Amino acid sequence: PQPPDVLPNALTATSANLTWSCPLEKNYTVISYSVNVTNPNSVHADCLHGQNLSYYFTVPAYQRYLYLMSISLMPFTSYSFEVLVNTTEGEGYFSKPQSFTTLQAPPTSPLNISASVLSYSSLLVSWSPPTCSNGIISGYMVTYTPSSGFPSSPYNVSKVTSLLLQNLLNNTQ
């Protein structure tokens, strides 16, 4: 049998819907479909926490879709999938692999947050990017709260990982 035509659709940061259609041929009966989903680049290794990046499914003949939700797809990660037709005449050929990328999700927390006193009224706050960006980090938001007051207005910081805070109140924690 001819390989199926496949179409991926990323729905969220951790789910996707995979669909396919088979050329109609009269000389065999479809028994099932074999679906292979992989992450060819194996990126985000620090974020995996033991999760698998390769999945193999057998889908019944009446079903021409696979909704991937509970297999722990990683946010903002490229995957490839291909489908093979299993018939009464034997296995067909895998379809041409199709790629999809899951959507972005909030990143994990920044790491190594520290503050260095530069003077009686200024601090240098610095941090490292999060282990799992889960997408494109466009910037950071920094706020602080003096021990005797209200939180500051947020400081929006572009792609740098430090912020100089000046004109702080003397002798304030």
C-alpha atoms as a PDB file:
ATOM      1  CA  PRO A   1       0.000   0.000   0.000  1.00  0.00           C
ATOM      2  CA  GLN A   2       0.961   3.595  -0.589  1.00  0.00           C
ATOM      3  CA  PRO A   3       2.083   5.629   2.439  1.00  0.00           C
ATOM      4  CA  PRO A   4      -0.578   7.901   3.941  1.00  0.00           C
ATOM      5  CA  ASP A   5      -0.676  11.680   3.662  1.00  0.00           C
ATOM      6  CA  VAL A   6      -0.072  13.135   7.120  1.00  0.00           C
ATOM      7  CA  LEU A   7      -0.897  16.470   8.742  1.00  0.00           C
ATOM      8  CA  PRO A   8       0.311  17.606  12.181  1.00  0.00           C
ATOM      9  CA  ASN A   9      -1.293  20.381  14.221  1.00  0.00           C
ATOM     10  CA  ALA A  10       0.253  21.621  17.486  1.00  0.00           C
ATOM     11  CA  LEU A  11      -2.620  22.584  19.795  1.00  0.00           C
ATOM     12  CA  THR A  12      -0.883  23.683  22.995  1.00  0.00           C
ATOM     13  CA  ALA A  13       2.582  23.714  24.555  1.00  0.00           C
ATOM     14  CA  THR A  14       2.246  20.014  25.424  1.00  0.00           C
ATOM     15  CA  SER A  15      -0.296  18.562  22.975  1.00  0.00           C
ATOM     16  CA  ALA A  16      -0.797  18.015  19.263  1.00  0.00           C
ATOM     17  CA  ASN A  17      -3.324  16.459  16.929  1.00  0.00           C
ATOM     18  CA  LEU A  18      -1.961  14.229  14.162  1.00  0.00           C
ATOM     19  CA  THR A  19      -4.198  13.243  11.265  1.00  0.00           C
ATOM     20  CA  TRP A  20      -3.688  11.231   8.098  1.00  0.00           C
ATOM     21  CA  SER A  21      -5.499   9.943   5.056  1.00  0.00           C
ATOM     22  CA  CYS A  22      -4.822   6.839   3.029  1.00  0.00           C
ATOM     23  CA  PRO A  23      -5.013   6.453  -0.730  1.00  0.00           C
ATOM     24  CA  LEU A  24      -7.999   4.246  -1.521  1.00  0.00           C
ATOM     25  CA  GLU A  25      -6.860   0.934  -2.912  1.00  0.00           C
ATOM     26  CA  LYS A  26      -9.287  -1.943  -3.356  1.00  0.00           C
ATOM     27  CA  ASN A  27      -6.844  -4.859  -3.081  1.00  0.00           C
ATOM     28  CA  TYR A  28      -6.300  -4.827   0.706  1.00  0.00           C
ATOM     29  CA  THR A  29      -8.001  -4.144   4.019  1.00  0.00           C
ATOM     30  CA  VAL A  30      -6.418  -1.799   6.546  1.00  0.00           C
ATOM     31  CA  ILE A  31      -5.891  -3.506   9.908  1.00  0.00           C
ATOM     32  CA  SER A  32      -4.178  -0.667  11.779  1.00  0.00           C
ATOM     33  CA  TYR A  33      -1.774   2.250  11.520  1.00  0.00           C
ATOM     34  CA  SER A  34       1.643   2.485  13.122  1.00  0.00           C
ATOM     35  CA  VAL A  35       2.559   6.002  14.187  1.00  0.00           C
ATOM     36  CA  ASN A  36       6.095   7.033  15.082  1.00  0.00           C
ATOM     37  CA  VAL A  37       6.638  10.395  16.862  1.00  0.00           C
ATOM     38  CA  THR A  38      10.196  11.555  17.524  1.00  0.00           C
ATOM     39  CA  ASN A  39      12.186  14.602  18.514  1.00  0.00           C
ATOM     40  CA  PRO A  40      15.017  14.428  15.966  1.00  0.00           C
ATOM     41  CA  ASN A  41      17.115  17.144  17.605  1.00  0.00           C
ATOM     42  CA  SER A  42      16.810  15.949  21.221  1.00  0.00           C
ATOM     43  CA  VAL A  43      16.900  19.540  22.424  1.00  0.00           C
ATOM     44  CA  HIS A  44      15.967  20.588  25.951  1.00  0.00           C
ATOM     45  CA  ALA A  45      17.865  17.680  27.493  1.00  0.00           C
ATOM     46  CA  ASP A  46      18.081  19.591  30.803  1.00  0.00           C
ATOM     47  CA  CYS A  47      14.284  19.861  30.885  1.00  0.00           C
ATOM     48  CA  LEU A  48      13.407  16.235  30.203  1.00  0.00           C
ATOM     49  CA  HIS A  49      13.523  14.853  33.749  1.00  0.00           C
ATOM     50  CA  GLY A  50      13.647  11.312  32.361  1.00  0.00           C
ATOM     51  CA  GLN A  51      10.934  11.855  29.734  1.00  0.00           C
ATOM     52  CA  ASN A  52      11.054  10.000  26.456  1.00  0.00           C
ATOM     53  CA  LEU A  53      11.382  11.837  23.135  1.00  0.00           C
ATOM     54  CA  SER A  54      10.400   8.933  20.917  1.00  0.00           C
ATOM     55  CA  TYR A  55       6.937   7.357  20.892  1.00  0.00           C
ATOM     56  CA  TYR A  56       5.403   4.502  18.909  1.00  0.00           C
ATOM     57  CA  PHE A  57       1.651   3.921  18.718  1.00  0.00           C
ATOM     58  CA  THR A  58      -0.612   1.384  17.035  1.00  0.00           C
ATOM     59  CA  VAL A  59      -3.937   2.936  16.034  1.00  0.00           C
ATOM     60  CA  PRO A  60      -7.050   0.954  14.939  1.00  0.00           C
ATOM     61  CA  ALA A  61      -8.050   1.011  11.261  1.00  0.00           C
ATOM     62  CA  TYR A  62     -11.201   3.101  11.828  1.00  0.00           C
ATOM     63  CA  GLN A  63      -9.192   5.901  13.475  1.00  0.00           C
ATOM     64  CA  ARG A  64      -7.204   8.269  11.257  1.00  0.00           C
ATOM     65  CA  TYR A  65      -6.003  10.633  13.935  1.00  0.00           C
ATOM     66  CA  LEU A  66      -3.964  10.615  17.105  1.00  0.00           C
ATOM     67  CA  TYR A  67      -4.385  13.212  19.831  1.00  0.00           C
ATOM     68  CA  LEU A  68      -1.139  13.530  21.780  1.00  0.00           C
ATOM     69  CA  MET A  69      -1.772  14.945  25.204  1.00  0.00           C
ATOM     70  CA  SER A  70      -0.706  12.606  27.965  1.00  0.00           C
ATOM     71  CA  ILE A  71       2.750  11.678  26.642  1.00  0.00           C
ATOM     72  CA  SER A  72       4.536  14.775  27.976  1.00  0.00           C
ATOM     73  CA  LEU A  73       5.418  16.649  24.834  1.00  0.00           C
ATOM     74  CA  MET A  74       7.844  19.453  25.697  1.00  0.00           C
ATOM     75  CA  PRO A  75       6.889  23.110  25.101  1.00  0.00           C
ATOM     76  CA  PHE A  76       8.343  24.881  22.060  1.00  0.00           C
ATOM     77  CA  THR A  77       9.934  21.670  20.786  1.00  0.00           C
ATOM     78  CA  SER A  78      10.053  20.326  17.246  1.00  0.00           C
ATOM     79  CA  TYR A  79       8.792  16.810  16.633  1.00  0.00           C
ATOM     80  CA  SER A  80       8.460  14.663  13.552  1.00  0.00           C
ATOM     81  CA  PHE A  81       5.823  12.036  12.890  1.00  0.00           C
ATOM     82  CA  GLU A  82       5.235   9.408  10.258  1.00  0.00           C
ATOM     83  CA  VAL A  83       2.527   6.820   9.692  1.00  0.00           C
ATOM     84  CA  LEU A  84       2.696   3.301   8.266  1.00  0.00           C
ATOM     85  CA  VAL A  85      -0.344   1.321   7.069  1.00  0.00           C
ATOM     86  CA  ASN A  86      -0.731  -2.288   8.286  1.00  0.00           C
ATOM     87  CA  THR A  87      -2.952  -4.279   5.922  1.00  0.00           C
ATOM     88  CA  THR A  88      -4.077  -7.812   5.202  1.00  0.00           C
ATOM     89  CA  GLU A  89      -1.285  -7.865   2.615  1.00  0.00           C
ATOM     90  CA  GLY A  90       1.417  -6.785   5.094  1.00  0.00           C
ATOM     91  CA  GLU A  91       3.056  -3.542   6.130  1.00  0.00           C
ATOM     92  CA  GLY A  92       3.190  -0.585   3.799  1.00  0.00           C
ATOM     93  CA  TYR A  93       5.786   2.155   3.815  1.00  0.00           C
ATOM     94  CA  PHE A  94       6.167   4.951   6.299  1.00  0.00           C
ATOM     95  CA  SER A  95       4.831   8.284   5.119  1.00  0.00           C
ATOM     96  CA  LYS A  96       7.156  11.173   4.499  1.00  0.00           C
ATOM     97  CA  PRO A  97       7.953  12.579   7.983  1.00  0.00           C
ATOM     98  CA  GLN A  98       6.094  15.776   8.847  1.00  0.00           C
ATOM     99  CA  SER A  99       7.280  18.210  11.489  1.00  0.00           C
ATOM    100  CA  PHE A 100       5.405  20.251  14.050  1.00  0.00           C
ATOM    101  CA  THR A 101       6.497  22.487  16.914  1.00  0.00           C
ATOM    102  CA  THR A 102       4.562  22.662  20.157  1.00  0.00           C
ATOM    103  CA  LEU A 103       3.548  26.116  21.355  1.00  0.00           C
ATOM    104  CA  GLN A 104       5.449  28.205  23.901  1.00  0.00           C
ATOM    105  CA  ALA A 105       4.838  28.017  27.658  1.00  0.00           C
ATOM    106  CA  PRO A 106       6.058  30.087  30.605  1.00  0.00           C
ATOM    107  CA  PRO A 107       9.713  29.459  31.432  1.00  0.00           C
ATOM    108  CA  THR A 108      10.977  27.965  34.642  1.00  0.00           C
ATOM    109  CA  SER A 109      12.371  30.423  37.206  1.00  0.00           C
ATOM    110  CA  PRO A 110      15.664  32.232  36.606  1.00  0.00           C
ATOM    111  CA  LEU A 111      18.658  30.764  38.434  1.00  0.00           C
ATOM    112  CA  ASN A 112      21.456  32.123  40.620  1.00  0.00           C
ATOM    113  CA  ILE A 113      19.658  35.318  41.633  1.00  0.00           C
ATOM    114  CA  SER A 114      21.983  37.614  43.552  1.00  0.00           C
ATOM    115  CA  ALA A 115      22.232  41.233  44.663  1.00  0.00           C
ATOM    116  CA  SER A 116      25.505  43.101  45.164  1.00  0.00           C
ATOM    117  CA  VAL A 117      25.664  46.331  47.144  1.00  0.00           C
ATOM    118  CA  LEU A 118      27.417  48.988  45.053  1.00  0.00           C
ATOM    119  CA  SER A 119      26.800  52.001  47.286  1.00  0.00           C
ATOM    120  CA  TYR A 120      24.509  53.145  50.104  1.00  0.00           C
ATOM    121  CA  SER A 121      21.727  53.697  47.550  1.00  0.00           C
ATOM    122  CA  SER A 122      22.371  51.208  44.722  1.00  0.00           C
ATOM    123  CA  LEU A 123      22.363  47.463  44.094  1.00  0.00           C
ATOM    124  CA  LEU A 124      23.271  45.298  41.134  1.00  0.00           C
ATOM    125  CA  VAL A 125      20.784  42.455  40.779  1.00  0.00           C
ATOM    126  CA  SER A 126      21.851  39.611  38.488  1.00  0.00           C
ATOM    127  CA  TRP A 127      20.589  36.161  37.499  1.00  0.00           C
ATOM    128  CA  SER A 128      21.102  33.328  35.034  1.00  0.00           C
ATOM    129  CA  PRO A 129      18.533  32.316  32.416  1.00  0.00           C
ATOM    130  CA  PRO A 130      16.143  29.505  33.389  1.00  0.00           C
ATOM    131  CA  THR A 131      17.094  25.924  32.648  1.00  0.00           C
ATOM    132  CA  CYS A 132      13.925  25.454  30.561  1.00  0.00           C
ATOM    133  CA  SER A 133      13.054  28.499  28.490  1.00  0.00           C
ATOM    134  CA  ASN A 134       9.967  26.746  27.013  1.00  0.00           C
ATOM    135  CA  GLY A 135      10.042  29.317  24.215  1.00  0.00           C
ATOM    136  CA  ILE A 136      11.710  32.579  23.330  1.00  0.00           C
ATOM    137  CA  ILE A 137      12.523  34.725  26.349  1.00  0.00           C
ATOM    138  CA  SER A 138      11.910  38.329  25.349  1.00  0.00           C
ATOM    139  CA  GLY A 139      12.872  39.806  28.722  1.00  0.00           C
ATOM    140  CA  TYR A 140      12.546  39.677  32.474  1.00  0.00           C
ATOM    141  CA  MET A 141      10.416  41.573  35.002  1.00  0.00           C
ATOM    142  CA  VAL A 142      12.124  42.614  38.231  1.00  0.00           C
ATOM    143  CA  THR A 143      10.351  44.009  41.295  1.00  0.00           C
ATOM    144  CA  TYR A 144      11.567  44.608  44.818  1.00  0.00           C
ATOM    145  CA  THR A 145       9.874  45.395  48.099  1.00  0.00           C
ATOM    146  CA  PRO A 146      11.590  47.453  50.813  1.00  0.00           C
ATOM    147  CA  SER A 147      11.050  45.885  54.235  1.00  0.00           C
ATOM    148  CA  SER A 148       9.015  48.917  55.292  1.00  0.00           C
ATOM    149  CA  GLY A 149       6.962  49.631  52.209  1.00  0.00           C
ATOM    150  CA  PHE A 150       5.083  48.647  49.098  1.00  0.00           C
ATOM    151  CA  PRO A 151       6.467  46.728  46.109  1.00  0.00           C
ATOM    152  CA  SER A 152       8.227  48.773  43.475  1.00  0.00           C
ATOM    153  CA  SER A 153       6.840  49.222  40.024  1.00  0.00           C
ATOM    154  CA  PRO A 154       8.097  46.381  37.823  1.00  0.00           C
ATOM    155  CA  TYR A 155      11.278  46.939  35.858  1.00  0.00           C
ATOM    156  CA  ASN A 156      11.068  45.355  32.429  1.00  0.00           C
ATOM    157  CA  VAL A 157      14.513  44.244  31.365  1.00  0.00           C
ATOM    158  CA  SER A 158      15.260  43.150  27.806  1.00  0.00           C
ATOM    159  CA  LYS A 159      17.474  40.170  27.114  1.00  0.00           C
ATOM    160  CA  VAL A 160      20.156  41.106  29.682  1.00  0.00           C
ATOM    161  CA  THR A 161      20.530  39.241  32.976  1.00  0.00           C
ATOM    162  CA  SER A 162      21.262  42.080  35.362  1.00  0.00           C
ATOM    163  CA  LEU A 163      19.694  45.313  36.560  1.00  0.00           C
ATOM    164  CA  LEU A 164      21.234  48.294  38.353  1.00  0.00           C
ATOM    165  CA  LEU A 165      18.842  49.641  40.996  1.00  0.00           C
ATOM    166  CA  GLN A 166      19.672  53.216  41.984  1.00  0.00           C
ATOM    167  CA  ASN A 167      18.271  55.901  44.267  1.00  0.00           C
ATOM    168  CA  LEU A 168      17.247  53.374  46.887  1.00  0.00           C
ATOM    169  CA  LEU A 169      16.444  54.538  50.412  1.00  0.00           C
ATOM    170  CA  ASN A 170      19.430  54.534  52.778  1.00  0.00           C
ATOM    171  CA  ASN A 171      19.625  51.795  55.400  1.00  0.00           C
ATOM    172  CA  THR A 172      16.687  49.831  53.979  1.00  0.00           C
ATOM    173  CA  GLN A 173      16.520  46.089  53.661  1.00  0.00           C
END
